[in-house]
């Protein structure tokens, strides 16, 4: 499992480096912030979940 550094902006949004997004394109990425798990999935997977 790879770990990446991310930043959170003043509105609480997670800023993910573009390089990381390129690395994980087509894969599922799980990030953990202080016991809060954030799952990032490719766009196509989101669409599949919405249509299901």
N, C-alpha and C. Protein backbone atom coordinates (compact mmCIF):
# COMPACT_ATOMS: atom_id res chain seq x y z
N UNK A 1 0.85 -1.19 0.00
CA UNK A 1 0.00 0.00 0.00
C UNK A 1 0.89 1.24 0.00
N UNK A 2 0.61 2.13 -0.94
CA UNK A 2 1.40 3.34 -1.03
C UNK A 2 0.77 4.44 -0.19
N UNK A 3 1.61 5.28 0.34
CA UNK A 3 1.09 6.42 1.10
C UNK A 3 1.49 7.70 0.37
N UNK A 4 0.56 8.66 0.35
CA UNK A 4 0.82 9.92 -0.32
C UNK A 4 0.55 11.06 0.64
N UNK A 5 1.30 12.13 0.47
CA UNK A 5 1.03 13.34 1.24
C UNK A 5 -0.04 14.14 0.52
N UNK A 6 -1.04 14.57 1.25
CA UNK A 6 -2.06 15.44 0.69
C UNK A 6 -2.23 16.62 1.62
N UNK A 7 -2.78 17.70 1.07
CA UNK A 7 -3.06 18.87 1.88
C UNK A 7 -4.56 19.10 1.91
N UNK A 8 -5.01 19.79 2.93
CA UNK A 8 -6.42 20.14 3.04
C UNK A 8 -6.51 21.66 3.03
N UNK A 9 -7.33 22.19 2.12
CA UNK A 9 -7.40 23.65 2.01
C UNK A 9 -8.33 24.22 3.07
N UNK A 10 -8.49 25.54 3.05
CA UNK A 10 -9.24 26.20 4.12
C UNK A 10 -10.71 25.81 4.15
N UNK A 11 -11.24 25.28 3.03
CA UNK A 11 -12.64 24.85 3.02
C UNK A 11 -12.76 23.38 3.41
N UNK A 12 -11.64 22.75 3.74
CA UNK A 12 -11.70 21.36 4.16
C UNK A 12 -11.66 20.39 3.00
N UNK A 13 -11.38 20.89 1.80
CA UNK A 13 -11.27 19.98 0.67
C UNK A 13 -9.87 19.38 0.63
N UNK A 14 -9.79 18.16 0.17
CA UNK A 14 -8.50 17.49 0.10
C UNK A 14 -7.84 17.84 -1.22
N UNK A 15 -6.62 18.31 -1.14
CA UNK A 15 -5.86 18.63 -2.34
C UNK A 15 -4.92 17.47 -2.63
N UNK A 16 -5.16 16.81 -3.74
CA UNK A 16 -4.37 15.64 -4.09
C UNK A 16 -3.46 16.02 -5.26
N UNK A 17 -2.17 15.80 -5.12
CA UNK A 17 -1.27 16.15 -6.21
C UNK A 17 -1.65 15.44 -7.50
N UNK A 18 -1.58 16.16 -8.62
CA UNK A 18 -1.94 15.59 -9.92
C UNK A 18 -1.10 14.35 -10.21
N UNK A 19 0.15 14.39 -9.82
CA UNK A 19 1.02 13.24 -10.02
C UNK A 19 0.43 11.99 -9.39
N UNK A 20 -0.11 12.15 -8.19
CA UNK A 20 -0.71 11.01 -7.49
C UNK A 20 -1.91 10.51 -8.26
N UNK A 21 -2.75 11.43 -8.75
CA UNK A 21 -3.94 11.01 -9.49
C UNK A 21 -3.54 10.23 -10.73
N UNK A 22 -2.45 10.63 -11.38
CA UNK A 22 -1.99 9.90 -12.55
C UNK A 22 -1.52 8.50 -12.17
N UNK A 23 -0.85 8.39 -11.03
CA UNK A 23 -0.35 7.09 -10.58
C UNK A 23 -1.52 6.15 -10.31
N UNK A 24 -2.58 6.68 -9.69
CA UNK A 24 -3.64 5.79 -9.22
C UNK A 24 -4.79 5.68 -10.21
N UNK A 25 -4.66 6.28 -11.38
CA UNK A 25 -5.74 6.21 -12.36
C UNK A 25 -6.04 4.76 -12.69
N UNK A 26 -7.30 4.37 -12.60
CA UNK A 26 -7.68 3.00 -12.88
C UNK A 26 -7.54 2.09 -11.68
N UNK A 27 -7.05 2.60 -10.57
CA UNK A 27 -6.95 1.79 -9.36
C UNK A 27 -7.76 2.46 -8.26
N UNK A 28 -8.03 1.72 -7.23
CA UNK A 28 -8.71 2.31 -6.08
C UNK A 28 -7.64 2.77 -5.10
N UNK A 29 -7.84 3.97 -4.58
CA UNK A 29 -6.88 4.54 -3.64
C UNK A 29 -7.60 4.78 -2.32
N UNK A 30 -7.00 4.34 -1.25
CA UNK A 30 -7.58 4.59 0.07
C UNK A 30 -6.60 5.46 0.84
N UNK A 31 -7.08 6.57 1.34
CA UNK A 31 -6.25 7.45 2.16
C UNK A 31 -6.83 7.51 3.55
N UNK A 32 -5.98 7.66 4.53
CA UNK A 32 -6.45 7.73 5.90
C UNK A 32 -5.94 9.02 6.54
N UNK A 33 -6.85 9.79 7.10
CA UNK A 33 -6.50 11.00 7.85
C UNK A 33 -7.03 10.83 9.25
N UNK A 34 -6.16 10.70 10.22
CA UNK A 34 -6.61 10.62 11.61
C UNK A 34 -7.80 9.68 11.76
N UNK A 35 -7.66 8.46 11.31
CA UNK A 35 -8.70 7.43 11.42
C UNK A 35 -9.92 7.68 10.54
N UNK A 36 -9.87 8.69 9.67
CA UNK A 36 -10.97 8.88 8.72
C UNK A 36 -10.50 8.35 7.38
N UNK A 37 -11.19 7.37 6.86
CA UNK A 37 -10.77 6.75 5.62
C UNK A 37 -11.46 7.43 4.45
N UNK A 38 -10.70 7.83 3.48
CA UNK A 38 -11.24 8.48 2.29
C UNK A 38 -10.91 7.58 1.10
N UNK A 39 -11.93 7.17 0.39
CA UNK A 39 -11.71 6.30 -0.77
C UNK A 39 -11.84 7.14 -2.04
N UNK A 40 -10.87 6.99 -2.89
CA UNK A 40 -10.89 7.70 -4.16
C UNK A 40 -10.93 6.66 -5.26
N UNK A 41 -11.95 6.73 -6.08
CA UNK A 41 -12.11 5.74 -7.14
C UNK A 41 -12.09 6.42 -8.49
N UNK A 42 -11.71 5.69 -9.52
CA UNK A 42 -11.77 6.25 -10.87
C UNK A 42 -13.19 6.68 -11.21
N UNK A 43 -13.31 7.70 -12.06
CA UNK A 43 -14.60 8.26 -12.43
C UNK A 43 -15.57 7.19 -12.92
N UNK A 44 -15.09 6.27 -13.71
CA UNK A 44 -15.97 5.25 -14.28
C UNK A 44 -16.62 4.42 -13.18
N UNK A 45 -15.89 4.18 -12.11
CA UNK A 45 -16.46 3.39 -11.02
C UNK A 45 -17.57 4.16 -10.32
N UNK A 46 -17.40 5.48 -10.19
CA UNK A 46 -18.47 6.29 -9.62
C UNK A 46 -19.72 6.16 -10.48
N UNK A 47 -19.56 6.26 -11.79
CA UNK A 47 -20.71 6.20 -12.69
C UNK A 47 -21.39 4.85 -12.57
N UNK A 48 -20.60 3.80 -12.46
CA UNK A 48 -21.20 2.46 -12.33
C UNK A 48 -22.01 2.36 -11.05
N UNK A 49 -21.51 2.95 -9.98
CA UNK A 49 -22.22 2.88 -8.71
C UNK A 49 -23.51 3.68 -8.77
N UNK A 50 -23.49 4.84 -9.45
CA UNK A 50 -24.69 5.66 -9.54
C UNK A 50 -25.77 4.95 -10.34
N UNK A 51 -25.38 4.30 -11.43
CA UNK A 51 -26.38 3.68 -12.31
C UNK A 51 -26.91 2.38 -11.73
N UNK A 52 -26.17 1.77 -10.80
CA UNK A 52 -26.59 0.48 -10.25
C UNK A 52 -27.83 0.65 -9.37
